Amino acid sequence: MVFAFAPIAALLLGVSDVLVPWDTMLTAVGLFVVVPLVAGWFTRLSLLSARRIERLETRLKPLAIGALIATVLLLFMVQAQANLANPLAIVLIAIPLILQTYLIFWITAFWMCSSGQPRSIAAPGAMIGASKFLSWRLRWQSACLV
């Protein structure tokens, strides 16, 4: 998936007539996909025990939630003028986006439960799937509004 991300993003951006140079695309994939993936892998390797990993997760959880909220705020603040200038466009984007996210969640949860996964696995798995799609979709929509 890491190797397919840049070509898929370039294709989707090209379809919406947003030109992004390949060096910018590859730099973004390196910074936002490869670096966190490698950092997480090295962290797991260096901690070695489940107890240490659990303590680190407990310490980092408030920071992660704060960083997520700050990222969402930053995204909306950067697009504030476009959002205020096109409120109807925002509504027309938000309604299908919400419906699509719920639909993906329910399809994934049903599929996982049908394949024998317990609800304790199926529900978080469906949430992860829906959130990944939502993240991709929000990036694509913000690129189209620019």
Protein backbone atom coordinates (compact mmCIF):
# COMPACT_ATOMS: atom_id res chain seq x y z
CA MET A 1 0.00 0.00 0.00
CA VAL A 2 2.87 2.39 0.72
CA PHE A 3 4.16 1.93 -2.83
CA ALA A 4 0.71 2.35 -4.38
CA PHE A 5 -0.19 5.51 -2.43
CA ALA A 6 1.69 8.04 -4.59
CA PRO A 7 0.48 6.70 -7.98
CA ILE A 8 -3.13 6.45 -6.75
CA ALA A 9 -3.01 9.97 -5.31
CA ALA A 10 -1.45 11.31 -8.53
CA LEU A 11 -4.16 9.62 -10.59
CA LEU A 12 -6.98 11.02 -8.44
CA LEU A 13 -5.44 14.49 -8.36
CA GLY A 14 -4.95 14.35 -12.14
CA VAL A 15 -8.62 13.45 -12.62
CA SER A 16 -9.60 16.59 -10.71
CA ASP A 17 -7.05 18.71 -12.64
CA VAL A 18 -4.84 19.35 -9.61
CA LEU A 19 -1.22 19.20 -10.69
CA VAL A 20 1.25 18.09 -8.03
CA PRO A 21 4.90 17.51 -9.00
CA TRP A 22 6.18 13.97 -8.43
CA ASP A 23 8.97 15.12 -6.14
CA THR A 24 6.38 16.82 -3.91
CA MET A 25 4.19 13.70 -3.96
CA LEU A 26 7.08 11.39 -3.06
CA THR A 27 8.29 13.75 -0.33
CA ALA A 28 4.79 13.80 1.18
CA VAL A 29 4.55 10.00 1.08
CA GLY A 30 7.98 9.74 2.69
CA LEU A 31 7.18 12.23 5.46
CA PHE A 32 3.61 11.22 6.23
CA VAL A 33 3.62 7.47 5.53
CA VAL A 34 7.12 5.99 5.53
CA VAL A 35 8.65 7.95 8.44
CA PRO A 36 5.78 7.18 10.91
CA LEU A 37 5.72 3.55 9.77
CA VAL A 38 9.47 3.11 10.33
CA ALA A 39 9.36 5.04 13.63
CA GLY A 40 6.57 2.79 14.92
CA TRP A 41 8.44 -0.32 13.82
CA PHE A 42 11.66 0.80 15.56
CA THR A 43 9.69 1.74 18.69
CA ARG A 44 8.15 -1.74 18.85
CA LEU A 45 11.56 -3.34 18.33
CA SER A 46 13.26 -1.23 21.00
CA LEU A 47 10.61 -1.63 23.72
CA LEU A 48 10.51 -5.45 23.46
CA SER A 49 7.87 -6.05 26.14
CA ALA A 50 4.12 -5.64 26.03
CA ARG A 51 4.19 -3.84 29.39
CA ARG A 52 6.56 -1.14 28.12
CA ILE A 53 4.50 -0.69 24.98
CA GLU A 54 1.33 -0.35 27.08
CA ARG A 55 2.97 2.30 29.31
CA LEU A 56 4.11 4.25 26.25
CA GLU A 57 0.62 4.08 24.74
CA THR A 58 -0.89 5.34 28.01
CA ARG A 59 1.51 8.30 28.08
CA LEU A 60 1.08 9.15 24.40
CA LYS A 61 -2.72 8.82 24.18
CA PRO A 62 -3.53 12.38 25.42
CA LEU A 63 -0.84 13.78 23.12
CA ALA A 64 -2.22 11.83 20.16
CA ILE A 65 -5.77 13.04 20.78
CA GLY A 66 -4.57 16.63 21.09
CA ALA A 67 -2.52 16.33 17.89
CA LEU A 68 -5.51 14.90 16.03
CA ILE A 69 -7.76 17.76 17.16
CA ALA A 70 -5.07 20.31 16.27
CA THR A 71 -4.69 18.75 12.80
CA VAL A 72 -8.42 18.93 12.11
CA LEU A 73 -8.54 22.53 13.32
CA LEU A 74 -5.54 23.43 11.17
CA LEU A 75 -7.12 21.84 8.09
CA PHE A 76 -10.32 23.79 8.57
CA MET A 77 -8.50 27.03 9.39
CA VAL A 78 -6.43 26.79 6.20
CA GLN A 79 -9.60 26.29 4.18
CA ALA A 80 -11.67 28.82 6.18
CA GLN A 81 -12.19 31.32 3.37
CA ALA A 82 -13.17 28.62 0.87
CA ASN A 83 -15.52 27.07 3.46
CA LEU A 84 -17.19 30.40 4.26
CA ALA A 85 -17.44 31.37 0.59
CA ASN A 86 -19.10 28.07 -0.40
CA PRO A 87 -21.37 26.90 2.43
CA LEU A 88 -23.64 25.03 0.02
CA ALA A 89 -20.64 23.17 -1.41
CA ILE A 90 -19.63 22.15 2.11
CA VAL A 91 -23.11 20.79 2.80
CA LEU A 92 -23.18 18.99 -0.55
CA ILE A 93 -19.83 17.39 0.31
CA ALA A 94 -20.62 16.64 3.96
CA ILE A 95 -23.92 14.78 3.50
CA PRO A 96 -22.64 12.12 1.05
CA LEU A 97 -19.40 11.89 3.03
CA ILE A 98 -21.26 11.10 6.25
CA LEU A 99 -23.55 8.61 4.53
CA GLN A 100 -20.64 6.95 2.76
CA THR A 101 -18.62 6.64 5.98
CA TYR A 102 -21.52 5.03 7.84
CA LEU A 103 -22.19 2.71 4.90
CA ILE A 104 -18.54 1.61 4.77
CA PHE A 105 -18.58 1.01 8.53
CA TRP A 106 -21.70 -1.18 8.37
CA ILE A 107 -20.55 -3.12 5.30
CA THR A 108 -17.16 -3.80 6.90
CA ALA A 109 -18.66 -4.73 10.28
CA PHE A 110 -21.17 -7.08 8.62
CA TRP A 111 -18.44 -8.64 6.48
CA MET A 112 -16.14 -9.18 9.46
CA CYS A 113 -18.93 -10.64 11.64
CA SER A 114 -20.01 -12.90 8.75
CA SER A 115 -16.48 -14.23 8.47
CA GLY A 116 -16.53 -15.26 12.13
CA GLN A 117 -14.78 -12.34 13.79
CA PRO A 118 -16.11 -11.43 17.25
CA ARG A 119 -17.71 -8.00 17.66
CA SER A 120 -14.75 -6.88 19.78
CA ILE A 121 -12.60 -7.27 16.64
CA ALA A 122 -15.18 -6.42 13.95
CA ALA A 123 -16.29 -3.05 15.37
CA PRO A 124 -12.79 -1.54 15.75
CA GLY A 125 -11.81 -3.01 12.37
CA ALA A 126 -14.82 -1.39 10.72
CA MET A 127 -14.05 1.92 12.45
CA ILE A 128 -10.47 1.80 11.19
CA GLY A 129 -11.65 1.02 7.65
CA ALA A 130 -14.21 3.81 7.67
CA SER A 131 -11.77 6.32 9.17
CA LYS A 132 -9.07 5.49 6.60
CA PHE A 133 -11.58 6.02 3.83
CA LEU A 134 -12.80 9.24 5.45
CA SER A 135 -9.22 10.50 5.75
CA TRP A 136 -8.53 9.77 2.09
CA ARG A 137 -11.83 11.30 1.02
CA LEU A 138 -11.27 14.50 3.04
CA ARG A 139 -7.83 14.96 1.47
CA TRP A 140 -9.29 14.47 -1.99
CA GLN A 141 -12.19 16.87 -1.34
CA SER A 142 -9.91 19.57 0.06
CA ALA A 143 -7.72 19.27 -3.03
CA CYS A 144 -10.80 19.76 -5.22
CA LEU A 145 -11.87 22.91 -3.33
CA VAL A 146 -8.53 24.65 -3.77
